[in-house]
Amino acid sequence: MDKSMLADMDSLGEADKQRMSTMIDQLQIRDSLRMYNSLVERCFTDCVDTFKHKSLQKQEESCVRRCAEKFLKHSMRVGMRFAELNQGAATQD
């Protein structure tokens, strides 16, 4: 968020600030659920081959674990990169 947006939020009344905070929280929850659903879908599609057993086979389980770790590491790296870019943009203002 840049400085002008923060200044705009400071000028809001308490009720509006609360509504904005609620909307931001809802957006964050929605984004978290989307990321989780994407992770589950991708790893399931890549790793689960058959439905012959009630539980995952050892190779499927290790595949899912590796897939999830890679996905989360990638997501963290992208988030860090966006934070770096945002920090650079904020210092240029």
C-alpha atoms as a PDB file:
ATOM      1  CA  MET A   1       0.000   0.000   0.000  1.00  0.00           C
ATOM      2  CA  ASP A   2       1.446   3.368  -0.895  1.00  0.00           C
ATOM      3  CA  LYS A   3       1.482   6.463   1.306  1.00  0.00           C
ATOM      4  CA  SER A   4      -1.485   8.136  -0.383  1.00  0.00           C
ATOM      5  CA  MET A   5      -3.657   5.077   0.231  1.00  0.00           C
ATOM      6  CA  LEU A   6      -2.653   5.033   3.889  1.00  0.00           C
ATOM      7  CA  ALA A   7      -3.459   8.722   4.161  1.00  0.00           C
ATOM      8  CA  ASP A   8      -6.844   8.101   2.539  1.00  0.00           C
ATOM      9  CA  MET A   9      -7.608   5.360   5.057  1.00  0.00           C
ATOM     10  CA  ASP A  10      -6.669   7.659   7.942  1.00  0.00           C
ATOM     11  CA  SER A  11      -9.323  10.113   6.762  1.00  0.00           C
ATOM     12  CA  LEU A  12     -12.068   7.468   6.998  1.00  0.00           C
ATOM     13  CA  GLY A  13     -14.469   7.280   9.892  1.00  0.00           C
ATOM     14  CA  GLU A  14     -14.286   4.375  12.341  1.00  0.00           C
ATOM     15  CA  ALA A  15     -17.190   2.502  10.720  1.00  0.00           C
ATOM     16  CA  ASP A  16     -15.571   2.787   7.276  1.00  0.00           C
ATOM     17  CA  LYS A  17     -12.192   1.698   8.649  1.00  0.00           C
ATOM     18  CA  GLN A  18     -13.876  -1.348  10.178  1.00  0.00           C
ATOM     19  CA  ARG A  19     -15.597  -2.187   6.872  1.00  0.00           C
ATOM     20  CA  MET A  20     -12.301  -1.827   4.998  1.00  0.00           C
ATOM     21  CA  SER A  21     -10.542  -4.035   7.529  1.00  0.00           C
ATOM     22  CA  THR A  22     -13.269  -6.666   7.189  1.00  0.00           C
ATOM     23  CA  MET A  23     -13.035  -6.560   3.386  1.00  0.00           C
ATOM     24  CA  ILE A  24      -9.253  -6.917   3.497  1.00  0.00           C
ATOM     25  CA  ASP A  25      -9.563  -9.881   5.875  1.00  0.00           C
ATOM     26  CA  GLN A  26     -12.103 -11.526   3.562  1.00  0.00           C
ATOM     27  CA  LEU A  27      -9.836 -11.024   0.545  1.00  0.00           C
ATOM     28  CA  GLN A  28      -6.916 -12.565   2.414  1.00  0.00           C
ATOM     29  CA  ILE A  29      -9.015 -15.577   3.412  1.00  0.00           C
ATOM     30  CA  ARG A  30     -10.248 -15.979  -0.165  1.00  0.00           C
ATOM     31  CA  ASP A  31      -6.701 -15.825  -1.513  1.00  0.00           C
ATOM     32  CA  SER A  32      -5.499 -18.347   1.065  1.00  0.00           C
ATOM     33  CA  LEU A  33      -8.294 -20.749   0.123  1.00  0.00           C
ATOM     34  CA  ARG A  34      -7.520 -20.342  -3.572  1.00  0.00           C
ATOM     35  CA  MET A  35      -3.866 -21.126  -2.955  1.00  0.00           C
ATOM     36  CA  TYR A  36      -4.764 -24.173  -0.853  1.00  0.00           C
ATOM     37  CA  ASN A  37      -7.227 -25.450  -3.473  1.00  0.00           C
ATOM     38  CA  SER A  38      -4.665 -24.941  -6.218  1.00  0.00           C
ATOM     39  CA  LEU A  39      -2.083 -26.855  -4.190  1.00  0.00           C
ATOM     40  CA  VAL A  40      -4.439 -29.769  -3.548  1.00  0.00           C
ATOM     41  CA  GLU A  41      -5.580 -29.972  -7.156  1.00  0.00           C
ATOM     42  CA  ARG A  42      -2.084 -29.781  -8.618  1.00  0.00           C
ATOM     43  CA  CYS A  43      -0.511 -32.292  -6.255  1.00  0.00           C
ATOM     44  CA  PHE A  44      -3.439 -34.711  -6.468  1.00  0.00           C
ATOM     45  CA  THR A  45      -3.397 -34.622 -10.272  1.00  0.00           C
ATOM     46  CA  ASP A  46       0.370 -35.078 -10.435  1.00  0.00           C
ATOM     47  CA  CYS A  47       0.750 -37.719  -7.730  1.00  0.00           C
ATOM     48  CA  VAL A  48      -2.334 -39.905  -7.370  1.00  0.00           C
ATOM     49  CA  ASP A  49      -2.498 -42.600 -10.029  1.00  0.00           C
ATOM     50  CA  THR A  50      -5.143 -45.081  -8.914  1.00  0.00           C
ATOM     51  CA  PHE A  51      -8.015 -45.513  -6.505  1.00  0.00           C
ATOM     52  CA  LYS A  52      -7.364 -49.168  -5.726  1.00  0.00           C
ATOM     53  CA  HIS A  53      -6.518 -48.491  -2.080  1.00  0.00           C
ATOM     54  CA  LYS A  54      -8.249 -46.541   0.655  1.00  0.00           C
ATOM     55  CA  SER A  55      -5.097 -44.598   1.521  1.00  0.00           C
ATOM     56  CA  LEU A  56      -2.183 -43.222  -0.466  1.00  0.00           C
ATOM     57  CA  GLN A  57       0.604 -45.554  -1.517  1.00  0.00           C
ATOM     58  CA  LYS A  58       4.106 -44.714  -0.240  1.00  0.00           C
ATOM     59  CA  GLN A  59       5.252 -43.284  -3.580  1.00  0.00           C
ATOM     60  CA  GLU A  60       2.058 -41.210  -3.874  1.00  0.00           C
ATOM     61  CA  GLU A  61       2.494 -39.903  -0.337  1.00  0.00           C
ATOM     62  CA  SER A  62       6.122 -38.894  -0.922  1.00  0.00           C
ATOM     63  CA  CYS A  63       5.143 -37.300  -4.238  1.00  0.00           C
ATOM     64  CA  VAL A  64       2.406 -35.260  -2.542  1.00  0.00           C
ATOM     65  CA  ARG A  65       4.831 -34.188   0.191  1.00  0.00           C
ATOM     66  CA  ARG A  66       7.462 -33.054  -2.344  1.00  0.00           C
ATOM     67  CA  CYS A  67       4.820 -31.337  -4.471  1.00  0.00           C
ATOM     68  CA  ALA A  68       3.412 -29.428  -1.500  1.00  0.00           C
ATOM     69  CA  GLU A  69       6.880 -28.380  -0.320  1.00  0.00           C
ATOM     70  CA  LYS A  70       7.800 -27.108  -3.782  1.00  0.00           C
ATOM     71  CA  PHE A  71       4.516 -25.253  -4.146  1.00  0.00           C
ATOM     72  CA  LEU A  72       4.852 -23.578  -0.752  1.00  0.00           C
ATOM     73  CA  LYS A  73       8.511 -22.652  -1.322  1.00  0.00           C
ATOM     74  CA  HIS A  74       7.591 -21.158  -4.688  1.00  0.00           C
ATOM     75  CA  SER A  75       4.696 -19.214  -3.166  1.00  0.00           C
ATOM     76  CA  MET A  76       6.943 -17.893  -0.395  1.00  0.00           C
ATOM     77  CA  ARG A  77       9.570 -16.826  -2.932  1.00  0.00           C
ATOM     78  CA  VAL A  78       6.990 -15.039  -5.070  1.00  0.00           C
ATOM     79  CA  GLY A  79       5.623 -13.297  -1.967  1.00  0.00           C
ATOM     80  CA  MET A  80       9.125 -12.216  -0.943  1.00  0.00           C
ATOM     81  CA  ARG A  81       9.788 -10.896  -4.452  1.00  0.00           C
ATOM     82  CA  PHE A  82       6.556  -8.882  -4.448  1.00  0.00           C
ATOM     83  CA  ALA A  83       7.490  -7.486  -1.031  1.00  0.00           C
ATOM     84  CA  GLU A  84      10.906  -6.483  -2.390  1.00  0.00           C
ATOM     85  CA  LEU A  85       9.314  -4.799  -5.387  1.00  0.00           C
ATOM     86  CA  ASN A  86       6.743  -3.074  -3.176  1.00  0.00           C
ATOM     87  CA  GLN A  87       9.510  -1.867  -0.844  1.00  0.00           C
ATOM     88  CA  GLY A  88      11.426  -0.472  -3.812  1.00  0.00           C
ATOM     89  CA  ALA A  89       8.337   1.287  -5.140  1.00  0.00           C
ATOM     90  CA  ALA A  90       7.583   2.764  -1.704  1.00  0.00           C
ATOM     91  CA  THR A  91      11.092   4.207  -1.357  1.00  0.00           C
ATOM     92  CA  GLN A  92      10.861   5.839  -4.785  1.00  0.00           C
ATOM     93  CA  ASP A  93       7.801   7.912  -3.741  1.00  0.00           C
END
